[in-house]
Amino acid sequence: MPFKTFSNWLFDGNIDSPFPVPKKDDEGTVIVPDIMKYNSPITNNYVISIFLKIGNMNSYLNKYFNNVGVWYLEKDDLFKFIKRCVIDFKVKRWDLIYYKRKKEDALYHLLREKLPHLKTYDVLLLSKIINESEQKDGFYQAHGLEKMKKEKIKKSKKIKEKKISVKKLFEEHFSIMEQKQ
């Protein structure tokens, strides 16, 4: 929902529109999220990377913002600048690239650590293939990702014990041959 809120604000066409204010309804459910929050998924890098498909704006942003300095900019200043660029370069909403959110779990982190040369989406594809395979449980157990599930032992009813002699036991379970001396 923060992406939709940001997109609505970015493409409203008014340079003077204020940032969306976080709102909650009566039950406490968030209606409008806070996109300016420090842990918001809309980061400076995300904002710059969504314009990869627009050639002239992409080259302009790469020239001035493709460095570490983008992290030192205030979010509100960068957002206002990007909104001005959207208006000046006449960017439409459907021109943007949609990035699917990645699911990071223990398997993803393990593969990322073991295979650092793979790209993020390659690691996601590999983890998807592993999760859909038949050997998933064996892979998880071999790498210690999932604790082995102990099978519950059911208590059986006590069997009535019969008292039998050793001779009868041998006769039932072994073939006995008499030896001649």
Protein backbone atom coordinates (compact mmCIF):
# COMPACT_ATOMS: atom_id res chain seq x y z
CA MET A 1 0.00 0.00 0.00
CA PRO A 2 2.85 2.49 0.51
CA PHE A 3 3.78 2.00 -3.15
CA LYS A 4 0.26 2.87 -4.26
CA THR A 5 0.20 5.92 -1.98
CA PHE A 6 3.56 7.08 -3.30
CA SER A 7 2.52 6.50 -6.91
CA ASN A 8 -0.75 8.42 -6.42
CA TRP A 9 1.15 11.35 -4.93
CA LEU A 10 3.86 11.25 -7.61
CA PHE A 11 1.45 11.31 -10.55
CA ASP A 12 -1.21 13.71 -9.29
CA GLY A 13 0.22 16.44 -11.58
CA ASN A 14 0.44 19.13 -8.89
CA ILE A 15 3.95 20.12 -7.82
CA ASP A 16 2.63 21.80 -4.66
CA SER A 17 0.63 18.84 -3.34
CA PRO A 18 1.67 17.90 0.21
CA PHE A 19 3.07 14.51 1.13
CA PRO A 20 0.43 11.92 2.11
CA VAL A 21 -0.26 12.10 5.83
CA PRO A 22 -0.53 8.73 7.61
CA LYS A 23 -4.13 7.93 8.56
CA LYS A 24 -5.82 5.21 10.56
CA ASP A 25 -9.48 4.29 10.75
CA ASP A 26 -11.49 3.75 13.95
CA GLU A 27 -10.25 0.18 14.45
CA GLY A 28 -6.62 1.25 14.12
CA THR A 29 -6.11 -0.16 10.62
CA VAL A 30 -3.73 1.90 8.51
CA ILE A 31 -5.56 3.55 5.60
CA VAL A 32 -2.69 5.75 4.34
CA PRO A 33 0.83 4.57 5.32
CA ASP A 34 3.68 6.87 6.24
CA ILE A 35 5.99 6.91 3.21
CA MET A 36 8.43 9.30 4.89
CA LYS A 37 9.19 6.91 7.74
CA TYR A 38 12.79 5.69 8.08
CA ASN A 39 11.82 2.03 7.59
CA SER A 40 9.45 2.63 4.69
CA PRO A 41 10.03 0.29 1.73
CA ILE A 42 10.22 3.36 -0.51
CA THR A 43 13.89 4.22 -0.31
CA ASN A 44 16.00 6.63 -2.29
CA ASN A 45 17.42 3.82 -4.42
CA TYR A 46 13.94 2.46 -5.12
CA VAL A 47 12.70 5.86 -6.28
CA ILE A 48 15.61 6.29 -8.67
CA SER A 49 15.46 2.71 -9.97
CA ILE A 50 11.78 2.81 -11.03
CA PHE A 51 12.66 5.12 -13.91
CA LEU A 52 14.96 2.67 -15.73
CA LYS A 53 12.65 2.36 -18.72
CA ILE A 54 12.46 6.10 -19.43
CA GLY A 55 15.67 6.74 -21.37
CA ASN A 56 16.27 10.47 -21.04
CA MET A 57 15.24 10.65 -17.38
CA ASN A 58 17.25 7.54 -16.57
CA SER A 59 20.45 8.99 -18.07
CA TYR A 60 19.85 12.26 -16.20
CA LEU A 61 19.35 10.46 -12.87
CA ASN A 62 22.37 8.20 -13.48
CA LYS A 63 24.55 11.21 -14.20
CA TYR A 64 23.69 13.00 -10.96
CA PHE A 65 22.40 10.39 -8.52
CA ASN A 66 24.09 7.08 -9.27
CA ASN A 67 26.49 7.31 -6.35
CA VAL A 68 26.64 7.07 -2.58
CA GLY A 69 25.49 10.68 -2.22
CA VAL A 70 21.88 9.63 -2.82
CA TRP A 71 21.83 8.19 0.73
CA TYR A 72 22.67 11.59 2.22
CA LEU A 73 19.71 13.34 0.66
CA GLU A 74 16.61 13.96 2.69
CA LYS A 75 13.64 11.93 1.49
CA ASP A 76 11.31 14.86 1.12
CA ASP A 77 13.81 16.83 -0.99
CA LEU A 78 14.46 13.87 -3.26
CA PHE A 79 10.75 13.11 -3.61
CA LYS A 80 9.96 16.71 -4.58
CA PHE A 81 12.81 16.70 -7.10
CA ILE A 82 11.61 13.41 -8.61
CA LYS A 83 8.07 14.80 -8.83
CA ARG A 84 9.40 17.83 -10.69
CA CYS A 85 11.31 15.47 -13.05
CA VAL A 86 8.14 13.42 -13.65
CA ILE A 87 6.30 16.58 -14.65
CA ASP A 88 9.18 17.95 -16.78
CA PHE A 89 9.95 14.67 -18.57
CA LYS A 90 6.20 13.93 -18.98
CA VAL A 91 6.42 10.47 -17.45
CA LYS A 92 3.20 8.48 -17.27
CA ARG A 93 2.30 5.98 -14.58
CA TRP A 94 2.35 3.01 -16.96
CA ASP A 95 5.93 3.82 -18.03
CA LEU A 96 7.34 2.71 -14.69
CA ILE A 97 8.91 -0.65 -13.95
CA TYR A 98 7.15 -2.86 -11.44
CA TYR A 99 9.47 -4.60 -9.01
CA LYS A 100 7.99 -7.66 -7.40
CA ARG A 101 8.69 -7.76 -3.69
CA LYS A 102 11.01 -10.58 -2.79
CA LYS A 103 10.29 -13.04 -0.06
CA GLU A 104 13.32 -13.44 2.12
CA ASP A 105 13.38 -16.51 4.28
CA ALA A 106 16.05 -18.72 5.82
CA LEU A 107 16.63 -20.56 2.54
CA TYR A 108 17.13 -17.27 0.67
CA HIS A 109 19.71 -16.07 3.20
CA LEU A 110 21.55 -19.43 3.10
CA LEU A 111 21.73 -19.44 -0.70
CA ARG A 112 22.75 -15.76 -0.77
CA GLU A 113 25.62 -16.53 1.58
CA LYS A 114 26.72 -19.72 -0.21
CA LEU A 115 26.37 -18.28 -3.74
CA PRO A 116 27.31 -14.57 -3.57
CA HIS A 117 27.93 -14.33 -7.32
CA LEU A 118 24.25 -14.92 -8.14
CA LYS A 119 21.90 -11.99 -8.58
CA THR A 120 19.00 -11.49 -6.19
CA TYR A 121 16.34 -12.76 -8.56
CA ASP A 122 18.47 -15.77 -9.51
CA VAL A 123 18.68 -16.69 -5.83
CA LEU A 124 14.91 -16.27 -5.54
CA LEU A 125 14.40 -18.54 -8.57
CA LEU A 126 16.75 -21.16 -7.11
CA SER A 127 14.96 -21.10 -3.76
CA LYS A 128 11.62 -21.46 -5.57
CA ILE A 129 12.95 -24.50 -7.47
CA ILE A 130 14.21 -26.06 -4.24
CA ASN A 131 10.89 -25.45 -2.48
CA GLU A 132 8.97 -27.13 -5.32
CA SER A 133 11.27 -30.16 -5.59
CA GLU A 134 10.68 -33.55 -4.04
CA GLN A 135 13.99 -33.42 -2.16
CA LYS A 136 13.02 -30.23 -0.29
CA ASP A 137 12.94 -31.88 3.14
CA GLY A 138 16.32 -33.53 2.63
CA PHE A 139 17.87 -30.23 1.53
CA TYR A 140 16.45 -28.39 4.52
CA GLN A 141 17.65 -31.06 6.93
CA ALA A 142 21.12 -31.26 5.36
CA HIS A 143 21.64 -27.53 5.80
CA GLY A 144 20.01 -27.29 9.22
CA LEU A 145 17.23 -24.97 8.14
CA GLU A 146 14.40 -26.96 9.58
CA LYS A 147 14.51 -28.85 12.80
CA MET A 148 13.90 -32.51 12.34
CA LYS A 149 10.43 -33.40 13.41
CA LYS A 150 10.32 -36.16 15.93
CA GLU A 151 7.72 -38.76 15.32
CA LYS A 152 5.43 -39.21 18.23
CA ILE A 153 5.52 -42.67 19.67
CA LYS A 154 2.15 -44.00 20.47
CA LYS A 155 1.86 -46.06 23.56
CA SER A 156 0.46 -49.41 22.76
CA LYS A 157 -1.73 -51.39 25.03
CA LYS A 158 0.07 -53.84 27.21
CA ILE A 159 0.16 -57.29 25.81
CA LYS A 160 -0.75 -59.99 28.23
CA GLU A 161 2.33 -61.98 28.94
CA LYS A 162 2.17 -65.70 28.77
CA LYS A 163 4.47 -67.65 30.89
CA ILE A 164 6.14 -70.25 28.76
CA SER A 165 9.04 -72.48 29.42
CA VAL A 166 12.36 -72.27 27.64
CA LYS A 167 11.74 -75.63 26.04
CA LYS A 168 8.46 -74.46 24.50
CA LEU A 169 10.09 -71.23 23.30
CA PHE A 170 12.79 -73.19 21.49
CA GLU A 171 10.26 -75.55 20.00
CA GLU A 172 8.15 -72.68 18.63
CA HIS A 173 10.96 -70.62 17.14
CA PHE A 174 13.74 -73.05 16.29
CA SER A 175 13.90 -76.42 14.67
CA ILE A 176 15.41 -78.85 17.11
CA MET A 177 17.18 -81.98 15.98
CA GLU A 178 18.31 -84.69 18.27
CA GLN A 179 21.87 -85.82 17.95
CA LYS A 180 22.96 -89.34 18.21
CA GLN A 181 25.98 -89.99 20.30
